[in-house]
């Protein structure tokens, strides 16, 4: 009998944590909400949600040791999935309302205000998955739910072979921005899978499947 993957949703007082746990359970994970360091380190997968301001999310992660937990997991090749601002803080910097804040620095580059006529960007968008995407397998034409005013509008990480190239998924609201990144054990979505109906559940199912 196949063991159900255990997924820890890191509870650092930022994010739509309960709906994330519910969606992960619906997608087939043994999902637990935790801020326990050992539990977060030992789970098959770690989900890092986030809503609100870039600097506030980063500060909350630091306060609860989330930055060190993410680092430790990635150093051991253990999967992490960031959602919304939980994706944004993985970059080096975030610029919001003229304030330049340091991120976790897992990826180079800055998260900046979207160049769009109306902000926040709130609603459903199709995406353009990169080649060989695991997250979007079978749901390449689906729509996903976004609510944000900032995003990563360029990709600056230069990966040298034999390391595999990251899979980048883009969408457009005003100008193009990254909707998702799959980079070894570190994946992230700018949209909310837990608010994206069956397509979001399938994306989580795809990610959970990669943990086995």
Foldseek 3Di string as FASTA:
>chain_A
DDDAFEEEEEPLPFAPRVLVQVLLVVLGHNYDYDLDLVCQLPGQEYEYEHDDDLQVSQVSCVVSVVLVSVVNCVVVLRAYEYEASRVQLCEQWEADPNDIGGGSHVFYDYKYFDPAPDPDDWAKFQKQKFPPDLLCVPPNGPIFTAHGGIAAQDGDDDDDPPQDDKIFMWTDHNHIGTQKIGHRRYIYGNTDLSPGPPSSSSSSSSVSVVSD
